[in-house]
Amino acid sequence: MSAVEDPDAWAYPRVSDWGLREAVGSRDDDAVSRQHAAPEHLAPDRFGDVDAATDIYGIGVIGHLLVTGNAPDRDDGTVRFHPTGDRAIPDDISMILAKCLTTAKMERYASAAAIRRDLATEGHNE
């Protein structure tokens, strides 16, 4: 993910691919992409079948990085939010990110649209 401050560039961050993408439903345990990924950025189920839940976890990692400045910390499977500086994380945002980052795939959001609905409900859809 990168934010460009060039006034002629788009005024919002862009998500880039570093060769870590994989086709939905594919499974290749020897894939080179896994060798180059930071473990804290991978979904716990990443070494199984790739599906929408894996992408939702990735959205959670990006959100966590944006909100806290750090990768998710999950010593016992529970996500801990440790923001850098004096930033406080609203409880509703913490709950949304925790749902994205849960180790249980079936407990994650079913889609990005569901995340957007919760953000809109909580008044963070700007």
N, C-alpha and C. Protein backbone atom coordinates (compact mmCIF):
# COMPACT_ATOMS: atom_id res chain seq x y z
N MET A 1 0.85 -1.16 0.00
CA MET A 1 0.00 0.00 0.00
C MET A 1 0.90 1.22 0.00
N SER A 2 0.51 2.20 -0.77
CA SER A 2 1.33 3.41 -0.81
C SER A 2 0.44 4.63 -0.93
N ALA A 3 0.85 5.68 -0.29
CA ALA A 3 0.15 6.95 -0.42
C ALA A 3 1.08 7.89 -1.18
N VAL A 4 0.55 8.51 -2.21
CA VAL A 4 1.35 9.41 -3.03
C VAL A 4 0.93 10.83 -2.71
N GLU A 5 1.88 11.68 -2.41
CA GLU A 5 1.57 13.06 -2.05
C GLU A 5 1.73 14.02 -3.21
N ASP A 6 1.99 13.53 -4.39
CA ASP A 6 2.11 14.36 -5.58
C ASP A 6 0.75 15.00 -5.86
N PRO A 7 0.67 16.34 -5.97
CA PRO A 7 -0.61 17.00 -6.19
C PRO A 7 -1.30 16.58 -7.49
N ASP A 8 -0.54 16.07 -8.45
CA ASP A 8 -1.14 15.63 -9.70
C ASP A 8 -1.60 14.17 -9.64
N ALA A 9 -1.26 13.48 -8.57
CA ALA A 9 -1.65 12.07 -8.42
C ALA A 9 -3.02 12.00 -7.76
N TRP A 10 -3.57 10.80 -7.74
CA TRP A 10 -4.84 10.60 -7.04
C TRP A 10 -4.65 10.95 -5.58
N ALA A 11 -5.66 11.46 -4.95
CA ALA A 11 -5.56 11.93 -3.57
C ALA A 11 -5.92 10.86 -2.54
N TYR A 12 -5.72 9.61 -2.86
CA TYR A 12 -6.01 8.55 -1.89
C TYR A 12 -5.02 7.40 -2.07
N PRO A 13 -4.87 6.58 -1.03
CA PRO A 13 -3.89 5.48 -1.10
C PRO A 13 -4.29 4.45 -2.14
N ARG A 14 -3.31 3.74 -2.63
CA ARG A 14 -3.55 2.66 -3.59
C ARG A 14 -3.00 1.37 -3.01
N VAL A 15 -3.69 0.28 -3.27
CA VAL A 15 -3.19 -1.03 -2.87
C VAL A 15 -2.46 -1.60 -4.06
N SER A 16 -1.25 -2.06 -3.82
CA SER A 16 -0.42 -2.65 -4.87
C SER A 16 -0.26 -4.13 -4.64
N ASP A 17 0.14 -4.85 -5.66
CA ASP A 17 0.36 -6.28 -5.55
C ASP A 17 1.85 -6.54 -5.63
N TRP A 18 2.35 -7.29 -4.69
CA TRP A 18 3.77 -7.63 -4.67
C TRP A 18 3.99 -9.08 -5.08
N GLY A 19 3.13 -9.61 -5.93
CA GLY A 19 3.27 -10.99 -6.36
C GLY A 19 2.70 -11.98 -5.36
N LEU A 20 1.84 -11.51 -4.47
CA LEU A 20 1.26 -12.38 -3.46
C LEU A 20 -0.15 -12.82 -3.81
N ARG A 21 -0.60 -12.47 -4.98
CA ARG A 21 -1.96 -12.83 -5.38
C ARG A 21 -2.00 -14.28 -5.81
N GLU A 22 -3.20 -14.83 -5.78
CA GLU A 22 -3.40 -16.21 -6.19
C GLU A 22 -4.85 -16.35 -6.62
N ALA A 23 -5.10 -17.19 -7.57
CA ALA A 23 -6.45 -17.39 -8.06
C ALA A 23 -7.30 -18.04 -6.98
N VAL A 24 -8.55 -17.59 -6.86
CA VAL A 24 -9.47 -18.17 -5.88
C VAL A 24 -9.63 -19.65 -6.17
N GLY A 25 -9.55 -20.45 -5.12
CA GLY A 25 -9.73 -21.89 -5.25
C GLY A 25 -8.46 -22.64 -5.60
N SER A 26 -7.38 -21.94 -5.88
CA SER A 26 -6.14 -22.64 -6.24
C SER A 26 -5.42 -23.06 -4.98
N ARG A 27 -4.59 -24.07 -5.12
CA ARG A 27 -3.80 -24.53 -3.98
C ARG A 27 -2.48 -25.04 -4.49
N ASP A 28 -1.43 -24.36 -4.11
CA ASP A 28 -0.08 -24.75 -4.52
C ASP A 28 0.83 -24.49 -3.33
N ASP A 29 1.09 -25.52 -2.53
CA ASP A 29 1.86 -25.35 -1.30
C ASP A 29 3.29 -24.92 -1.54
N ASP A 30 3.78 -25.00 -2.77
CA ASP A 30 5.14 -24.60 -3.07
C ASP A 30 5.20 -23.24 -3.75
N ALA A 31 4.11 -22.49 -3.70
CA ALA A 31 4.05 -21.21 -4.41
C ALA A 31 5.13 -20.26 -3.91
N VAL A 32 5.82 -19.64 -4.83
CA VAL A 32 6.88 -18.69 -4.50
C VAL A 32 6.32 -17.52 -3.71
N SER A 33 5.09 -17.11 -3.99
CA SER A 33 4.54 -15.93 -3.33
C SER A 33 4.55 -16.07 -1.81
N ARG A 34 4.33 -17.25 -1.29
CA ARG A 34 4.32 -17.44 0.16
C ARG A 34 5.71 -17.28 0.76
N GLN A 35 6.73 -17.52 -0.02
CA GLN A 35 8.09 -17.40 0.49
C GLN A 35 8.48 -15.94 0.69
N HIS A 36 7.80 -15.03 0.03
CA HIS A 36 8.16 -13.62 0.07
C HIS A 36 7.20 -12.78 0.90
N ALA A 37 6.24 -13.41 1.53
CA ALA A 37 5.26 -12.68 2.31
C ALA A 37 5.68 -12.62 3.77
N ALA A 38 5.40 -11.49 4.40
CA ALA A 38 5.65 -11.37 5.84
C ALA A 38 4.58 -12.18 6.56
N PRO A 39 4.96 -13.08 7.46
CA PRO A 39 3.98 -13.96 8.12
C PRO A 39 2.86 -13.20 8.81
N GLU A 40 3.16 -12.04 9.40
CA GLU A 40 2.12 -11.30 10.10
C GLU A 40 1.09 -10.69 9.16
N HIS A 41 1.35 -10.69 7.87
CA HIS A 41 0.39 -10.16 6.90
C HIS A 41 -0.46 -11.25 6.27
N LEU A 42 -0.17 -12.50 6.57
CA LEU A 42 -0.91 -13.61 5.98
C LEU A 42 -2.03 -14.08 6.89
N ALA A 43 -3.15 -14.43 6.29
CA ALA A 43 -4.25 -15.01 7.06
C ALA A 43 -3.80 -16.36 7.62
N PRO A 44 -4.28 -16.73 8.81
CA PRO A 44 -3.89 -18.02 9.38
C PRO A 44 -4.22 -19.19 8.46
N ASP A 45 -5.23 -19.03 7.63
CA ASP A 45 -5.65 -20.10 6.73
C ASP A 45 -4.99 -19.98 5.36
N ARG A 46 -4.03 -19.10 5.19
CA ARG A 46 -3.42 -18.79 3.90
C ARG A 46 -2.79 -19.99 3.22
N PHE A 47 -2.38 -20.97 4.00
CA PHE A 47 -1.73 -22.11 3.39
C PHE A 47 -2.73 -23.19 2.99
N GLY A 48 -4.00 -22.90 3.09
CA GLY A 48 -5.05 -23.78 2.61
C GLY A 48 -5.63 -23.19 1.33
N ASP A 49 -6.89 -23.46 1.09
CA ASP A 49 -7.55 -22.92 -0.10
C ASP A 49 -7.75 -21.42 0.06
N VAL A 50 -7.55 -20.69 -1.02
CA VAL A 50 -7.73 -19.25 -1.03
C VAL A 50 -9.19 -18.96 -1.36
N ASP A 51 -9.81 -18.10 -0.57
CA ASP A 51 -11.21 -17.74 -0.82
C ASP A 51 -11.45 -16.31 -0.34
N ALA A 52 -12.70 -15.90 -0.33
CA ALA A 52 -13.04 -14.53 0.06
C ALA A 52 -12.62 -14.23 1.50
N ALA A 53 -12.70 -15.22 2.38
CA ALA A 53 -12.32 -15.00 3.78
C ALA A 53 -10.84 -14.63 3.90
N THR A 54 -10.01 -15.17 3.02
CA THR A 54 -8.59 -14.83 3.01
C THR A 54 -8.42 -13.36 2.63
N ASP A 55 -9.19 -12.89 1.66
CA ASP A 55 -9.14 -11.48 1.25
C ASP A 55 -9.64 -10.57 2.37
N ILE A 56 -10.68 -10.99 3.08
CA ILE A 56 -11.21 -10.19 4.19
C ILE A 56 -10.14 -10.03 5.27
N TYR A 57 -9.40 -11.10 5.53
CA TYR A 57 -8.29 -11.01 6.49
C TYR A 57 -7.28 -9.96 6.01
N GLY A 58 -6.97 -9.98 4.72
CA GLY A 58 -6.03 -9.00 4.15
C GLY A 58 -6.53 -7.58 4.32
N ILE A 59 -7.82 -7.37 4.13
CA ILE A 59 -8.41 -6.04 4.36
C ILE A 59 -8.22 -5.64 5.82
N GLY A 60 -8.40 -6.60 6.71
CA GLY A 60 -8.20 -6.33 8.14
C GLY A 60 -6.77 -5.95 8.46
N VAL A 61 -5.80 -6.63 7.82
CA VAL A 61 -4.39 -6.31 8.04
C VAL A 61 -4.10 -4.89 7.58
N ILE A 62 -4.58 -4.54 6.39
CA ILE A 62 -4.36 -3.18 5.87
C ILE A 62 -5.02 -2.15 6.79
N GLY A 63 -6.25 -2.42 7.20
CA GLY A 63 -6.93 -1.50 8.11
C GLY A 63 -6.19 -1.35 9.43
N HIS A 64 -5.71 -2.46 9.95
CA HIS A 64 -4.96 -2.43 11.21
C HIS A 64 -3.68 -1.60 11.06
N LEU A 65 -2.97 -1.81 9.95
CA LEU A 65 -1.76 -1.03 9.69
C LEU A 65 -2.07 0.47 9.60
N LEU A 66 -3.17 0.81 8.92
CA LEU A 66 -3.54 2.22 8.77
C LEU A 66 -3.93 2.86 10.10
N VAL A 67 -4.64 2.10 10.93
CA VAL A 67 -5.15 2.65 12.19
C VAL A 67 -4.09 2.69 13.28
N THR A 68 -3.25 1.65 13.34
CA THR A 68 -2.29 1.56 14.45
C THR A 68 -0.86 1.87 14.05
N GLY A 69 -0.54 1.72 12.78
CA GLY A 69 0.85 1.87 12.34
C GLY A 69 1.65 0.60 12.53
N ASN A 70 1.00 -0.48 12.97
CA ASN A 70 1.68 -1.75 13.24
C ASN A 70 0.92 -2.91 12.60
N ALA A 71 1.62 -4.02 12.41
CA ALA A 71 0.98 -5.26 11.97
C ALA A 71 0.18 -5.83 13.14
N PRO A 72 -0.87 -6.61 12.86
CA PRO A 72 -1.65 -7.21 13.95
C PRO A 72 -0.77 -8.08 14.85
N ASP A 73 -1.05 -8.05 16.13
CA ASP A 73 -0.35 -8.86 17.13
C ASP A 73 -1.35 -9.90 17.63
N ARG A 74 -1.02 -11.17 17.44
CA ARG A 74 -1.97 -12.21 17.84
C ARG A 74 -1.23 -13.38 18.48
N ASP A 75 -0.71 -13.18 19.66
CA ASP A 75 0.01 -14.25 20.34
C ASP A 75 -0.87 -15.46 20.62
N ASP A 76 -2.09 -15.24 21.06
CA ASP A 76 -2.96 -16.35 21.43
C ASP A 76 -4.17 -16.46 20.51
N GLY A 77 -4.11 -15.86 19.34
CA GLY A 77 -5.23 -15.89 18.40
C GLY A 77 -6.14 -14.69 18.53
N THR A 78 -5.95 -13.88 19.56
CA THR A 78 -6.75 -12.68 19.76
C THR A 78 -5.96 -11.48 19.25
N VAL A 79 -6.61 -10.65 18.45
CA VAL A 79 -5.94 -9.47 17.91
C VAL A 79 -5.84 -8.40 18.99
N ARG A 80 -4.65 -7.85 19.15
CA ARG A 80 -4.42 -6.76 20.09
C ARG A 80 -4.09 -5.50 19.29
N PHE A 81 -4.69 -4.40 19.67
CA PHE A 81 -4.46 -3.14 18.98
C PHE A 81 -3.51 -2.28 19.80
N HIS A 82 -2.36 -2.00 19.24
CA HIS A 82 -1.36 -1.18 19.90
C HIS A 82 -1.04 0.01 18.99
N PRO A 83 -1.84 1.07 19.08
CA PRO A 83 -1.57 2.21 18.20
C PRO A 83 -0.27 2.91 18.55
N THR A 84 0.36 3.47 17.53
CA THR A 84 1.57 4.25 17.77
C THR A 84 1.15 5.66 18.16
N GLY A 85 1.91 6.28 19.01
CA GLY A 85 1.60 7.65 19.41
C GLY A 85 0.41 7.71 20.34
N ASP A 86 -0.33 8.81 20.25
CA ASP A 86 -1.46 9.05 21.14
C ASP A 86 -2.80 8.74 20.49
N ARG A 87 -2.77 8.02 19.41
CA ARG A 87 -4.02 7.74 18.70
C ARG A 87 -4.91 6.78 19.50
N ALA A 88 -6.15 7.13 19.65
CA ALA A 88 -7.13 6.23 20.25
C ALA A 88 -7.94 5.60 19.12
N ILE A 89 -8.24 4.34 19.24
CA ILE A 89 -9.00 3.65 18.21
C ILE A 89 -10.44 3.53 18.70
N PRO A 90 -11.40 4.06 17.94
CA PRO A 90 -12.80 3.93 18.34
C PRO A 90 -13.18 2.45 18.49
N ASP A 91 -14.01 2.16 19.49
CA ASP A 91 -14.40 0.77 19.75
C ASP A 91 -15.05 0.11 18.54
N ASP A 92 -15.89 0.86 17.80
CA ASP A 92 -16.55 0.26 16.65
C ASP A 92 -15.55 -0.13 15.56
N ILE A 93 -14.51 0.67 15.37
CA ILE A 93 -13.48 0.34 14.38
C ILE A 93 -12.70 -0.88 14.85
N SER A 94 -12.37 -0.93 16.14
CA SER A 94 -11.68 -2.10 16.68
C SER A 94 -12.49 -3.37 16.47
N MET A 95 -13.81 -3.28 16.69
CA MET A 95 -14.66 -4.47 16.51
C MET A 95 -14.71 -4.90 15.05
N ILE A 96 -14.80 -3.95 14.13
CA ILE A 96 -14.84 -4.27 12.71
C ILE A 96 -13.53 -4.93 12.28
N LEU A 97 -12.40 -4.36 12.69
CA LEU A 97 -11.10 -4.94 12.33
C LEU A 97 -10.91 -6.31 12.98
N ALA A 98 -11.32 -6.45 14.22
CA ALA A 98 -11.19 -7.75 14.90
C ALA A 98 -12.00 -8.82 14.18
N LYS A 99 -13.17 -8.45 13.66
CA LYS A 99 -13.98 -9.42 12.92
C LYS A 99 -13.29 -9.81 11.61
N CYS A 100 -12.62 -8.87 10.98
CA CYS A 100 -11.86 -9.18 9.76
C CYS A 100 -10.68 -10.11 10.07
N LEU A 101 -10.08 -9.94 11.23
CA LEU A 101 -8.83 -10.61 11.57
C LEU A 101 -8.99 -11.86 12.43
N THR A 102 -10.23 -12.29 12.67
CA THR A 102 -10.41 -13.48 13.49
C THR A 102 -9.81 -14.70 12.79
N THR A 103 -9.29 -15.64 13.58
CA THR A 103 -8.69 -16.84 13.00
C THR A 103 -9.74 -17.79 12.45
N ALA A 104 -10.97 -17.67 12.92
CA ALA A 104 -12.06 -18.54 12.44
C ALA A 104 -12.65 -17.94 11.16
N LYS A 105 -12.38 -18.56 10.03
CA LYS A 105 -12.82 -18.03 8.74
C LYS A 105 -14.32 -17.76 8.70
N MET A 106 -15.11 -18.64 9.28
CA MET A 106 -16.56 -18.51 9.20
C MET A 106 -17.08 -17.34 10.04
N GLU A 107 -16.26 -16.80 10.92
CA GLU A 107 -16.68 -15.66 11.75
C GLU A 107 -16.28 -14.32 11.13
N ARG A 108 -15.51 -14.35 10.04
CA ARG A 108 -15.13 -13.10 9.36
C ARG A 108 -16.32 -12.59 8.55
N TYR A 109 -16.21 -11.37 8.09
CA TYR A 109 -17.23 -10.82 7.20
C TYR A 109 -17.33 -11.70 5.95
N ALA A 110 -18.52 -11.79 5.40
CA ALA A 110 -18.73 -12.59 4.19
C ALA A 110 -18.25 -11.87 2.94
N SER A 111 -18.18 -10.53 3.01
CA SER A 111 -17.79 -9.76 1.83
C SER A 111 -17.31 -8.37 2.25
N ALA A 112 -16.65 -7.70 1.32
CA ALA A 112 -16.24 -6.31 1.55
C ALA A 112 -17.46 -5.41 1.69
N ALA A 113 -18.55 -5.77 1.00
CA ALA A 113 -19.78 -4.98 1.11
C ALA A 113 -20.32 -5.01 2.54
N ALA A 114 -20.17 -6.13 3.22
CA ALA A 114 -20.62 -6.23 4.61
C ALA A 114 -19.78 -5.33 5.52
N ILE A 115 -18.49 -5.24 5.24
CA ILE A 115 -17.63 -4.33 6.00
C ILE A 115 -18.09 -2.89 5.77
N ARG A 116 -18.35 -2.56 4.53
CA ARG A 116 -18.79 -1.20 4.19
C ARG A 116 -20.10 -0.86 4.89
N ARG A 117 -21.03 -1.83 4.94
CA ARG A 117 -22.30 -1.60 5.63
C ARG A 117 -22.05 -1.26 7.10
N ASP A 118 -21.17 -2.03 7.76
CA ASP A 118 -20.90 -1.76 9.17
C ASP A 118 -20.21 -0.41 9.36
N LEU A 119 -19.31 -0.06 8.46
CA LEU A 119 -18.67 1.26 8.54
C LEU A 119 -19.69 2.37 8.37
N ALA A 120 -20.62 2.19 7.44
CA ALA A 120 -21.66 3.20 7.20
C ALA A 120 -22.59 3.30 8.41
N THR A 121 -22.92 2.16 9.01
CA THR A 121 -23.78 2.14 10.19
C THR A 121 -23.14 2.89 11.35
N GLU A 122 -21.84 2.76 11.46
CA GLU A 122 -21.10 3.41 12.55
C GLU A 122 -20.69 4.83 12.20
N GLY A 123 -21.05 5.32 11.00
CA GLY A 123 -20.76 6.70 10.63
C GLY A 123 -19.35 6.94 10.15
N HIS A 124 -18.69 5.89 9.66
CA HIS A 124 -17.30 6.04 9.19
C HIS A 124 -17.20 5.86 7.68
N ASN A 125 -18.24 6.18 6.96
CA ASN A 125 -18.26 5.94 5.52
C ASN A 125 -17.97 7.23 4.76
N GLU A 126 -16.90 7.91 5.11
CA GLU A 126 -16.55 9.15 4.41
C GLU A 126 -15.34 8.95 3.56
